[in-house]
């Protein structure tokens, strides 16, 4: 059993679900659909060759926002 952290954000007409532990993302028309699609993608990823897993445990996740002046 692996503990998975993810974030869901709106991009255009879709919601994007991005996993923070592995480089896997998905999307859906609703928040629930995006979360379910990510779960399915992660299940497929972890069914594959265990030697290719690139899992980073994350004990705490926060969402921040900042502004950058781009030159």
PDB file of N, CA and C in Angstrom:
ATOM      1  N   UNK A   1       0.857  -1.182   0.000  1.00  0.00           N
ATOM      2  CA  UNK A   1       0.000   0.000   0.000  1.00  0.00           C
ATOM      3  C   UNK A   1       0.897   1.237   0.000  1.00  0.00           C
ATOM      4  N   UNK A   2       0.657   2.150  -0.927  1.00  0.00           N
ATOM      5  CA  UNK A   2       1.428   3.389  -1.016  1.00  0.00           C
ATOM      6  C   UNK A   2       0.500   4.570  -0.754  1.00  0.00           C
ATOM      7  N   UNK A   3       0.994   5.524   0.015  1.00  0.00           N
ATOM      8  CA  UNK A   3       0.241   6.750   0.271  1.00  0.00           C
ATOM      9  C   UNK A   3       0.566   7.730  -0.852  1.00  0.00           C
ATOM     10  N   UNK A   4      -0.476   8.204  -1.536  1.00  0.00           N
ATOM     11  CA  UNK A   4      -0.320   9.062  -2.710  1.00  0.00           C
ATOM     12  C   UNK A   4      -0.841  10.461  -2.402  1.00  0.00           C
ATOM     13  N   UNK A   5      -0.042  11.454  -2.739  1.00  0.00           N
ATOM     14  CA  UNK A   5      -0.462  12.863  -2.629  1.00  0.00           C
ATOM     15  C   UNK A   5      -0.627  13.396  -4.051  1.00  0.00           C
ATOM     16  N   UNK A   6      -1.690  14.185  -4.251  1.00  0.00           N
ATOM     17  CA  UNK A   6      -1.921  14.754  -5.579  1.00  0.00           C
ATOM     18  C   UNK A   6      -2.631  16.090  -5.453  1.00  0.00           C
ATOM     19  N   UNK A   7      -2.615  16.821  -6.539  1.00  0.00           N
ATOM     20  CA  UNK A   7      -3.284  18.113  -6.611  1.00  0.00           C
ATOM     21  C   UNK A   7      -4.173  18.103  -7.850  1.00  0.00           C
ATOM     22  N   UNK A   8      -5.309  18.759  -7.753  1.00  0.00           N
ATOM     23  CA  UNK A   8      -6.210  18.913  -8.904  1.00  0.00           C
ATOM     24  C   UNK A   8      -6.427  20.402  -9.131  1.00  0.00           C
ATOM     25  N   UNK A   9      -6.268  20.816 -10.377  1.00  0.00           N
ATOM     26  CA  UNK A   9      -6.466  22.224 -10.716  1.00  0.00           C
ATOM     27  C   UNK A   9      -7.190  22.323 -12.050  1.00  0.00           C
ATOM     28  N   UNK A  10      -7.849  23.445 -12.272  1.00  0.00           N
ATOM     29  CA  UNK A  10      -8.612  23.656 -13.500  1.00  0.00           C
ATOM     30  C   UNK A  10      -7.706  24.281 -14.560  1.00  0.00           C
ATOM     31  N   UNK A  11      -7.765  23.695 -15.750  1.00  0.00           N
ATOM     32  CA  UNK A  11      -7.012  24.216 -16.891  1.00  0.00           C
ATOM     33  C   UNK A  11      -7.956  24.230 -18.087  1.00  0.00           C
ATOM     34  N   UNK A  12      -8.414  25.409 -18.456  1.00  0.00           N
ATOM     35  CA  UNK A  12      -9.401  25.509 -19.530  1.00  0.00           C
ATOM     36  C   UNK A  12     -10.718  24.900 -19.088  1.00  0.00           C
ATOM     37  N   UNK A  13     -11.236  23.958 -19.878  1.00  0.00           N
ATOM     38  CA  UNK A  13     -12.510  23.310 -19.559  1.00  0.00           C
ATOM     39  C   UNK A  13     -12.333  22.049 -18.720  1.00  0.00           C
ATOM     40  N   UNK A  14     -11.104  21.622 -18.480  1.00  0.00           N
ATOM     41  CA  UNK A  14     -10.846  20.359 -17.789  1.00  0.00           C
ATOM     42  C   UNK A  14     -10.183  20.574 -16.434  1.00  0.00           C
ATOM     43  N   UNK A  15     -10.279  19.551 -15.609  1.00  0.00           N
ATOM     44  CA  UNK A  15      -9.542  19.498 -14.348  1.00  0.00           C
ATOM     45  C   UNK A  15      -8.360  18.560 -14.542  1.00  0.00           C
ATOM     46  N   UNK A  16      -7.187  18.998 -14.135  1.00  0.00           N
ATOM     47  CA  UNK A  16      -5.965  18.212 -14.245  1.00  0.00           C
ATOM     48  C   UNK A  16      -5.624  17.676 -12.867  1.00  0.00           C
ATOM     49  N   UNK A  17      -5.322  16.393 -12.789  1.00  0.00           N
ATOM     50  CA  UNK A  17      -4.905  15.767 -11.532  1.00  0.00           C
ATOM     51  C   UNK A  17      -3.435  15.374 -11.683  1.00  0.00           C
ATOM     52  N   UNK A  18      -2.590  15.899 -10.810  1.00  0.00           N
ATOM     53  CA  UNK A  18      -1.140  15.690 -10.886  1.00  0.00           C
ATOM     54  C   UNK A  18      -0.661  15.016  -9.604  1.00  0.00           C
ATOM     55  N   UNK A  19      -0.047  13.855  -9.758  1.00  0.00           N
ATOM     56  CA  UNK A  19       0.507  13.145  -8.612  1.00  0.00           C
ATOM     57  C   UNK A  19       1.818  13.805  -8.194  1.00  0.00           C
ATOM     58  N   UNK A  20       2.048  13.919  -6.901  1.00  0.00           N
ATOM     59  CA  UNK A  20       3.281  14.512  -6.389  1.00  0.00           C
ATOM     60  C   UNK A  20       4.357  13.466  -6.106  1.00  0.00           C
ATOM     61  N   UNK A  21       3.970  12.199  -5.966  1.00  0.00           N
ATOM     62  CA  UNK A  21       4.916  11.129  -5.632  1.00  0.00           C
ATOM     63  C   UNK A  21       5.619  10.553  -6.849  1.00  0.00           C
ATOM     64  N   UNK A  22       4.915  10.498  -7.973  1.00  0.00           N
ATOM     65  CA  UNK A  22       5.478  10.008  -9.234  1.00  0.00           C
ATOM     66  C   UNK A  22       5.026  10.944 -10.344  1.00  0.00           C
ATOM     67  N   UNK A  23       5.710  10.925 -11.462  1.00  0.00           N
ATOM     68  CA  UNK A  23       5.394  11.835 -12.561  1.00  0.00           C
ATOM     69  C   UNK A  23       4.257  11.266 -13.403  1.00  0.00           C
ATOM     70  N   UNK A  24       3.056  11.262 -12.822  1.00  0.00           N
ATOM     71  CA  UNK A  24       1.860  10.768 -13.492  1.00  0.00           C
ATOM     72  C   UNK A  24       0.777  11.839 -13.345  1.00  0.00           C
ATOM     73  N   UNK A  25       0.053  12.084 -14.428  1.00  0.00           N
ATOM     74  CA  UNK A  25      -1.045  13.048 -14.397  1.00  0.00           C
ATOM     75  C   UNK A  25      -2.191  12.517 -15.231  1.00  0.00           C
ATOM     76  N   UNK A  26      -3.374  13.060 -15.001  1.00  0.00           N
ATOM     77  CA  UNK A  26      -4.546  12.728 -15.793  1.00  0.00           C
ATOM     78  C   UNK A  26      -5.466  13.944 -15.792  1.00  0.00           C
ATOM     79  N   UNK A  27      -6.651  13.781 -16.344  1.00  0.00           N
ATOM     80  CA  UNK A  27      -7.589  14.900 -16.370  1.00  0.00           C
ATOM     81  C   UNK A  27      -9.004  14.365 -16.484  1.00  0.00           C
ATOM     82  N   UNK A  28      -9.969  15.256 -16.327  1.00  0.00           N
ATOM     83  CA  UNK A  28     -11.373  14.893 -16.473  1.00  0.00           C
ATOM     84  C   UNK A  28     -12.229  16.137 -16.574  1.00  0.00           C
ATOM     85  N   UNK A  29     -13.482  15.933 -16.901  1.00  0.00           N
ATOM     86  CA  UNK A  29     -14.416  17.044 -17.029  1.00  0.00           C
ATOM     87  C   UNK A  29     -14.851  17.579 -15.668  1.00  0.00           C
ATOM     88  N   UNK A  30     -14.724  16.747 -14.624  1.00  0.00           N
ATOM     89  CA  UNK A  30     -15.078  17.145 -13.258  1.00  0.00           C
ATOM     90  C   UNK A  30     -13.913  16.819 -12.327  1.00  0.00           C
ATOM     91  N   UNK A  31     -13.973  17.354 -11.115  1.00  0.00           N
ATOM     92  CA  UNK A  31     -12.937  17.054 -10.127  1.00  0.00           C
ATOM     93  C   UNK A  31     -12.924  15.559  -9.819  1.00  0.00           C
ATOM     94  N   UNK A  32     -14.104  14.981  -9.624  1.00  0.00           N
ATOM     95  CA  UNK A  32     -14.186  13.546  -9.327  1.00  0.00           C
ATOM     96  C   UNK A  32     -13.627  12.700 -10.464  1.00  0.00           C
ATOM     97  N   UNK A  33     -13.959  13.055 -11.688  1.00  0.00           N
ATOM     98  CA  UNK A  33     -13.462  12.301 -12.837  1.00  0.00           C
ATOM     99  C   UNK A  33     -11.942  12.410 -12.938  1.00  0.00           C
ATOM    100  N   UNK A  34     -11.407  13.597 -12.716  1.00  0.00           N
ATOM    101  CA  UNK A  34      -9.948  13.775 -12.765  1.00  0.00           C
ATOM    102  C   UNK A  34      -9.265  12.932 -11.691  1.00  0.00           C
ATOM    103  N   UNK A  35      -9.828  12.905 -10.473  1.00  0.00           N
ATOM    104  CA  UNK A  35      -9.255  12.094  -9.398  1.00  0.00           C
ATOM    105  C   UNK A  35      -9.343  10.613  -9.691  1.00  0.00           C
ATOM    106  N   UNK A  36     -10.474  10.159 -10.200  1.00  0.00           N
ATOM    107  CA  UNK A  36     -10.636   8.744 -10.541  1.00  0.00           C
ATOM    108  C   UNK A  36      -9.716   8.334 -11.689  1.00  0.00           C
ATOM    109  N   UNK A  37      -9.575   9.196 -12.687  1.00  0.00           N
ATOM    110  CA  UNK A  37      -8.685   8.894 -13.806  1.00  0.00           C
ATOM    111  C   UNK A  37      -7.230   8.817 -13.350  1.00  0.00           C
ATOM    112  N   UNK A  38      -6.846   9.673 -12.413  1.00  0.00           N
ATOM    113  CA  UNK A  38      -5.485   9.608 -11.879  1.00  0.00           C
ATOM    114  C   UNK A  38      -5.276   8.304 -11.117  1.00  0.00           C
ATOM    115  N   UNK A  39      -6.245   7.917 -10.321  1.00  0.00           N
ATOM    116  CA  UNK A  39      -6.136   6.663  -9.564  1.00  0.00           C
ATOM    117  C   UNK A  39      -5.959   5.475 -10.514  1.00  0.00           C
ATOM    118  N   UNK A  40      -6.724   5.459 -11.593  1.00  0.00           N
ATOM    119  CA  UNK A  40      -6.598   4.383 -12.579  1.00  0.00           C
ATOM    120  C   UNK A  40      -5.221   4.391 -13.240  1.00  0.00           C
ATOM    121  N   UNK A  41      -4.731   5.584 -13.592  1.00  0.00           N
ATOM    122  CA  UNK A  41      -3.399   5.687 -14.202  1.00  0.00           C
ATOM    123  C   UNK A  41      -2.311   5.216 -13.242  1.00  0.00           C
ATOM    124  N   UNK A  42      -2.458   5.543 -11.961  1.00  0.00           N
ATOM    125  CA  UNK A  42      -1.476   5.115 -10.963  1.00  0.00           C
ATOM    126  C   UNK A  42      -1.520   3.607 -10.756  1.00  0.00           C
ATOM    127  N   UNK A  43      -2.714   3.026 -10.758  1.00  0.00           N
ATOM    128  CA  UNK A  43      -2.820   1.571 -10.615  1.00  0.00           C
ATOM    129  C   UNK A  43      -2.121   0.871 -11.771  1.00  0.00           C
ATOM    130  N   UNK A  44      -2.292   1.384 -12.982  1.00  0.00           N
ATOM    131  CA  UNK A  44      -1.606   0.810 -14.145  1.00  0.00           C
ATOM    132  C   UNK A  44      -0.093   0.987 -14.024  1.00  0.00           C
ATOM    133  N   UNK A  45       0.345   2.142 -13.567  1.00  0.00           N
ATOM    134  CA  UNK A  45       1.777   2.408 -13.394  1.00  0.00           C
ATOM    135  C   UNK A  45       2.397   1.425 -12.409  1.00  0.00           C
ATOM    136  N   UNK A  46       1.741   1.222 -11.270  1.00  0.00           N
ATOM    137  CA  UNK A  46       2.306   0.362 -10.249  1.00  0.00           C
ATOM    138  C   UNK A  46       2.136  -1.120 -10.557  1.00  0.00           C
ATOM    139  N   UNK A  47       1.288  -1.484 -11.528  1.00  0.00           N
ATOM    140  CA  UNK A  47       1.199  -2.871 -11.983  1.00  0.00           C
ATOM    141  C   UNK A  47       2.394  -3.236 -12.842  1.00  0.00           C
ATOM    142  N   UNK A  48       2.998  -2.250 -13.450  1.00  0.00           N
ATOM    143  CA  UNK A  48       4.103  -2.455 -14.382  1.00  0.00           C
ATOM    144  C   UNK A  48       5.370  -2.869 -13.631  1.00  0.00           C
ATOM    145  N   UNK A  49       6.467  -2.951 -14.313  1.00  0.00           N
ATOM    146  CA  UNK A  49       7.764  -3.387 -13.797  1.00  0.00           C
ATOM    147  C   UNK A  49       8.176  -2.587 -12.564  1.00  0.00           C
ATOM    148  N   UNK A  50       8.314  -3.253 -11.442  1.00  0.00           N
ATOM    149  CA  UNK A  50       8.644  -2.590 -10.182  1.00  0.00           C
ATOM    150  C   UNK A  50      10.011  -1.915 -10.209  1.00  0.00           C
ATOM    151  N   UNK A  51      10.918  -2.365 -11.083  1.00  0.00           N
ATOM    152  CA  UNK A  51      12.246  -1.751 -11.171  1.00  0.00           C
ATOM    153  C   UNK A  51      12.182  -0.352 -11.776  1.00  0.00           C
ATOM    154  N   UNK A  52      11.092  -0.026 -12.462  1.00  0.00           N
ATOM    155  CA  UNK A  52      10.965   1.292 -13.089  1.00  0.00           C
ATOM    156  C   UNK A  52      10.253   2.292 -12.197  1.00  0.00           C
ATOM    157  N   UNK A  53       9.785   1.892 -11.056  1.00  0.00           N
ATOM    158  CA  UNK A  53       9.054   2.797 -10.175  1.00  0.00           C
ATOM    159  C   UNK A  53       9.947   3.930  -9.711  1.00  0.00           C
ATOM    160  N   UNK A  54       9.439   5.107  -9.769  1.00  0.00           N
ATOM    161  CA  UNK A  54      10.153   6.294  -9.295  1.00  0.00           C
ATOM    162  C   UNK A  54       9.267   6.976  -8.261  1.00  0.00           C
ATOM    163  N   UNK A  55       9.084   6.321  -7.114  1.00  0.00           N
ATOM    164  CA  UNK A  55       8.162   6.771  -6.078  1.00  0.00           C
ATOM    165  C   UNK A  55       8.917   7.555  -5.013  1.00  0.00           C
ATOM    166  N   UNK A  56       8.441   8.761  -4.714  1.00  0.00           N
ATOM    167  CA  UNK A  56       9.013   9.597  -3.666  1.00  0.00           C
ATOM    168  C   UNK A  56       7.992   9.736  -2.546  1.00  0.00           C
ATOM    169  N   UNK A  57       8.285   9.198  -1.350  1.00  0.00           N
ATOM    170  CA  UNK A  57       7.348   9.377  -0.237  1.00  0.00           C
ATOM    171  C   UNK A  57       7.247  10.853   0.149  1.00  0.00           C
ATOM    172  N   UNK A  58       6.047  11.319   0.431  1.00  0.00           N
ATOM    173  CA  UNK A  58       5.812  12.703   0.838  1.00  0.00           C
ATOM    174  C   UNK A  58       4.967  12.668   2.103  1.00  0.00           C
ATOM    175  N   UNK A  59       5.499  13.203   3.183  1.00  0.00           N
ATOM    176  CA  UNK A  59       4.751  13.151   4.442  1.00  0.00           C
ATOM    177  C   UNK A  59       3.767  14.313   4.576  1.00  0.00           C
ATOM    178  N   UNK A  60       4.089  15.447   3.976  1.00  0.00           N
ATOM    179  CA  UNK A  60       3.221  16.614   4.094  1.00  0.00           C
ATOM    180  C   UNK A  60       3.276  17.397   2.793  1.00  0.00           C
ATOM    181  N   UNK A  61       2.140  17.895   2.346  1.00  0.00           N
ATOM    182  CA  UNK A  61       2.089  18.676   1.108  1.00  0.00           C
ATOM    183  C   UNK A  61       1.291  19.951   1.349  1.00  0.00           C
ATOM    184  N   UNK A  62       1.799  21.041   0.858  1.00  0.00           N
ATOM    185  CA  UNK A  62       1.136  22.341   0.948  1.00  0.00           C
ATOM    186  C   UNK A  62       1.058  22.923  -0.457  1.00  0.00           C
ATOM    187  N   UNK A  63       0.079  23.754  -0.696  1.00  0.00           N
ATOM    188  CA  UNK A  63      -0.021  24.444  -1.980  1.00  0.00           C
ATOM    189  C   UNK A  63       0.271  25.911  -1.729  1.00  0.00           C
ATOM    190  N   UNK A  64       1.213  26.462  -2.469  1.00  0.00           N
ATOM    191  CA  UNK A  64       1.574  27.861  -2.325  1.00  0.00           C
ATOM    192  C   UNK A  64       1.363  28.600  -3.635  1.00  0.00           C
ATOM    193  N   UNK A  65       1.400  29.904  -3.528  1.00  0.00           N
ATOM    194  CA  UNK A  65       1.274  30.738  -4.701  1.00  0.00           C
ATOM    195  C   UNK A  65       2.182  31.945  -4.523  1.00  0.00           C
ATOM    196  N   UNK A  66       2.855  32.305  -5.588  1.00  0.00           N
ATOM    197  CA  UNK A  66       3.720  33.475  -5.553  1.00  0.00           C
ATOM    198  C   UNK A  66       3.668  34.137  -6.918  1.00  0.00           C
ATOM    199  N   UNK A  67       4.230  35.317  -7.018  1.00  0.00           N
ATOM    200  CA  UNK A  67       4.312  36.027  -8.297  1.00  0.00           C
ATOM    201  C   UNK A  67       5.777  36.252  -8.600  1.00  0.00           C
ATOM    202  N   UNK A  68       6.129  36.065  -9.868  1.00  0.00           N
ATOM    203  CA  UNK A  68       7.493  36.291 -10.331  1.00  0.00           C
ATOM    204  C   UNK A  68       7.472  37.321 -11.437  1.00  0.00           C
ATOM    205  N   UNK A  69       8.430  38.230 -11.383  1.00  0.00           N
ATOM    206  CA  UNK A  69       8.588  39.178 -12.484  1.00  0.00           C
ATOM    207  C   UNK A  69       9.541  38.538 -13.485  1.00  0.00           C
ATOM    208  N   UNK A  70       9.018  38.273 -14.682  1.00  0.00           N
ATOM    209  CA  UNK A  70       9.811  37.634 -15.727  1.00  0.00           C
ATOM    210  C   UNK A  70      10.378  38.721 -16.625  1.00  0.00           C
ATOM    211  N   UNK A  71      11.688  38.701 -16.802  1.00  0.00           N
ATOM    212  CA  UNK A  71      12.362  39.725 -17.612  1.00  0.00           C
ATOM    213  C   UNK A  71      12.320  39.369 -19.067  1.00  0.00           C
TER     214      UNK A  71
END
